[in-house]
Protein backbone atom coordinates (compact mmCIF):
# COMPACT_ATOMS: atom_id res chain seq x y z
CA MET A 1 0.00 0.00 0.00
CA LYS A 2 1.24 3.50 -0.86
CA ASN A 3 0.76 6.73 1.05
CA THR A 4 1.91 10.04 -0.51
CA ILE A 5 2.96 13.30 1.12
CA LYS A 6 3.13 16.33 -1.19
CA LEU A 7 5.23 19.42 -0.58
CA SER A 8 5.76 22.69 -2.39
CA VAL A 9 8.81 24.51 -1.03
CA LYS A 10 9.83 28.08 -1.84
CA PRO A 11 13.43 28.30 -3.03
CA ASP A 12 14.32 30.26 0.08
CA LEU A 13 17.03 28.94 2.40
CA SER A 14 15.30 30.51 5.41
CA GLU A 15 12.20 28.34 4.90
CA ILE A 16 13.75 24.97 4.07
CA THR A 17 14.45 23.87 7.65
CA ASP A 18 10.83 24.45 8.73
CA GLU A 19 9.46 22.59 5.70
CA CYS A 20 11.72 19.61 6.36
CA GLU A 21 10.65 19.56 10.02
CA LYS A 22 7.01 19.43 8.85
CA LEU A 23 7.94 16.56 6.53
CA GLU A 24 9.47 14.59 9.41
CA THR A 25 6.34 15.16 11.50
CA ALA A 26 4.10 14.01 8.62
CA LEU A 27 6.22 10.87 8.21
CA THR A 28 5.98 9.95 11.88
CA HIS A 29 2.21 10.58 11.80
CA ALA A 30 2.08 8.18 8.84
CA GLY A 31 3.67 5.48 11.01
CA ILE A 32 7.31 5.80 9.93
CA GLY A 33 9.83 5.26 12.73
CA THR A 34 11.90 8.10 14.14
CA SER A 35 15.22 7.01 12.58
CA PRO A 36 13.99 6.63 8.97
CA ALA A 37 11.91 9.83 9.29
CA MET A 38 15.02 11.75 10.39
CA LYS A 39 17.00 10.21 7.51
CA VAL A 40 14.39 11.36 4.98
CA ARG A 41 14.29 14.80 6.60
CA TYR A 42 18.07 15.13 6.28
CA ILE A 43 18.08 13.96 2.65
CA ALA A 44 15.26 16.36 1.73
CA HIS A 45 16.98 19.26 3.52
CA GLU A 46 20.30 18.63 1.79
CA PHE A 47 18.58 18.26 -1.57
CA PHE A 48 16.54 21.49 -1.22
CA VAL A 49 19.65 23.45 -0.15
CA ASN A 50 21.64 22.09 -3.10
CA VAL A 51 18.87 23.01 -5.54
CA VAL A 52 18.77 26.59 -4.24
CA ARG A 53 22.56 27.00 -4.10
CA HIS A 54 23.70 25.06 -7.18
CA GLY A 55 20.55 25.44 -9.25
CA LYS A 56 20.78 29.20 -8.73
CA MET A 57 17.12 29.45 -7.82
CA ASP A 58 15.98 32.67 -6.24
CA LYS A 59 12.92 33.56 -4.18
CA GLU A 60 11.01 34.61 -7.31
CA ALA A 61 11.46 31.23 -9.04
CA ASP A 62 8.90 28.44 -9.10
CA ASN A 63 8.58 26.39 -5.96
CA ILE A 64 10.40 23.08 -5.65
CA THR A 65 7.81 20.33 -5.55
CA ALA A 66 8.24 17.02 -3.81
CA GLU A 67 6.15 13.88 -3.61
CA ILE A 68 7.17 11.46 -0.92
CA ASP A 69 5.74 7.99 -1.54
CA ILE A 70 5.66 5.68 1.47
CA TYR A 71 5.64 1.94 0.82
CA ASN A 72 5.95 -0.98 3.24
CA ASN A 73 9.69 -1.36 2.73
CA ARG A 74 10.89 1.96 1.29
CA ILE A 75 10.28 5.68 0.88
CA GLU A 76 10.69 7.29 -2.53
CA LEU A 77 11.30 11.02 -2.79
CA HIS A 78 10.49 12.66 -6.14
CA PHE A 79 11.58 16.28 -6.60
CA VAL A 80 10.92 18.69 -9.48
CA ASP A 81 12.62 22.08 -9.76
CA SER A 82 13.19 24.74 -12.40
CA GLY A 83 16.73 25.67 -11.42
CA ARG A 84 19.61 25.41 -13.81
CA GLU A 85 20.89 21.95 -14.57
CA TRP A 86 23.36 20.57 -12.06
CA LEU A 87 24.01 16.89 -12.16
CA PRO A 88 25.85 15.59 -9.13
CA ASP A 89 28.74 13.35 -9.97
CA GLN A 90 27.64 9.75 -9.44
CA GLU A 91 31.16 8.97 -8.21
CA VAL A 92 30.78 11.53 -5.43
CA LEU A 93 27.43 10.02 -4.45
CA ARG A 94 28.90 6.55 -4.06
CA GLN A 95 32.25 7.39 -2.46
CA PRO A 96 32.65 6.45 1.17
CA CYS A 97 32.80 9.36 3.59
CA HIS A 98 36.54 9.31 4.20
CA TYR A 99 38.97 12.00 3.22
CA ASN A 100 42.62 11.89 2.18
CA SER A 101 43.61 15.25 3.61
CA ASP A 102 42.47 18.04 5.87
CA ASP A 103 41.80 20.08 2.72
CA GLU A 104 39.22 17.50 1.59
CA LEU A 105 37.76 17.14 5.09
CA TYR A 106 37.24 20.88 5.50
CA ALA A 107 36.32 21.64 1.89
CA PRO A 108 33.19 23.82 1.66
CA SER A 109 31.18 21.37 -0.44
CA GLY A 110 30.65 17.76 -1.43
CA LYS A 111 29.92 16.15 1.94
CA GLY A 112 26.15 16.43 1.74
CA LEU A 113 25.95 14.51 -1.51
CA ARG A 114 28.21 11.81 -0.09
CA LEU A 115 25.92 11.47 2.91
CA ILE A 116 22.83 11.32 0.68
CA GLY A 117 24.55 8.62 -1.37
CA ALA A 118 25.35 6.64 1.77
CA MET A 119 21.77 6.85 3.04
CA CYS A 120 19.85 6.06 -0.13
CA ARG A 121 19.31 2.90 -2.13
CA THR A 122 19.01 4.67 -5.50
CA TYR A 123 19.47 8.20 -6.81
CA SER A 124 18.55 9.34 -10.30
CA MET A 125 18.29 12.74 -11.92
CA PHE A 126 17.41 13.96 -15.38
CA ARG A 127 16.40 17.21 -17.05
CA ASP A 128 13.48 17.67 -19.40
CA ASN A 129 11.90 20.82 -20.81
CA GLY A 130 13.79 23.17 -18.47
CA ARG A 131 13.03 21.23 -15.30
CA ASN A 132 15.10 18.87 -13.15
CA TYR A 133 13.52 15.59 -12.01
CA THR A 134 15.19 13.78 -9.14
CA SER A 135 14.21 10.51 -7.48
CA ILE A 136 15.78 9.14 -4.31
CA SER A 137 14.80 5.82 -2.74
CA VAL A 138 15.42 5.04 0.95
CA GLU A 139 14.97 1.59 2.46
CA LEU A 140 12.99 1.26 5.65
CA LYS A 141 14.87 -0.98 8.06
């Protein structure tokens, strides 16, 4: 059985944290455990921030939409945004979270995508007609 939570988030960094907190609350109300709900909240937060920062979306742009589908054994997050195309490097997504130097450890970017990659089962992204479509699947354990 599938249950869906729909979100429409303004591309405004000051509002993302509150929207992700609401998502976590909705997930727990839907019967999802605390740990997977927090994992999904973190993934959604990191994704929204990356879209605003790297997709160069501003407050006047279209909202970022998300549909979160809850199944018995997984949660699928489907995002649509109108920011510029930015395709995360699949190698970065699948690299373990270890660093070869202090420069890498304290670099200003790249860690969020590595953490998303470590927490998700699948990650796919494509662009069509000026919009980015991203799907992330998280196993419920």
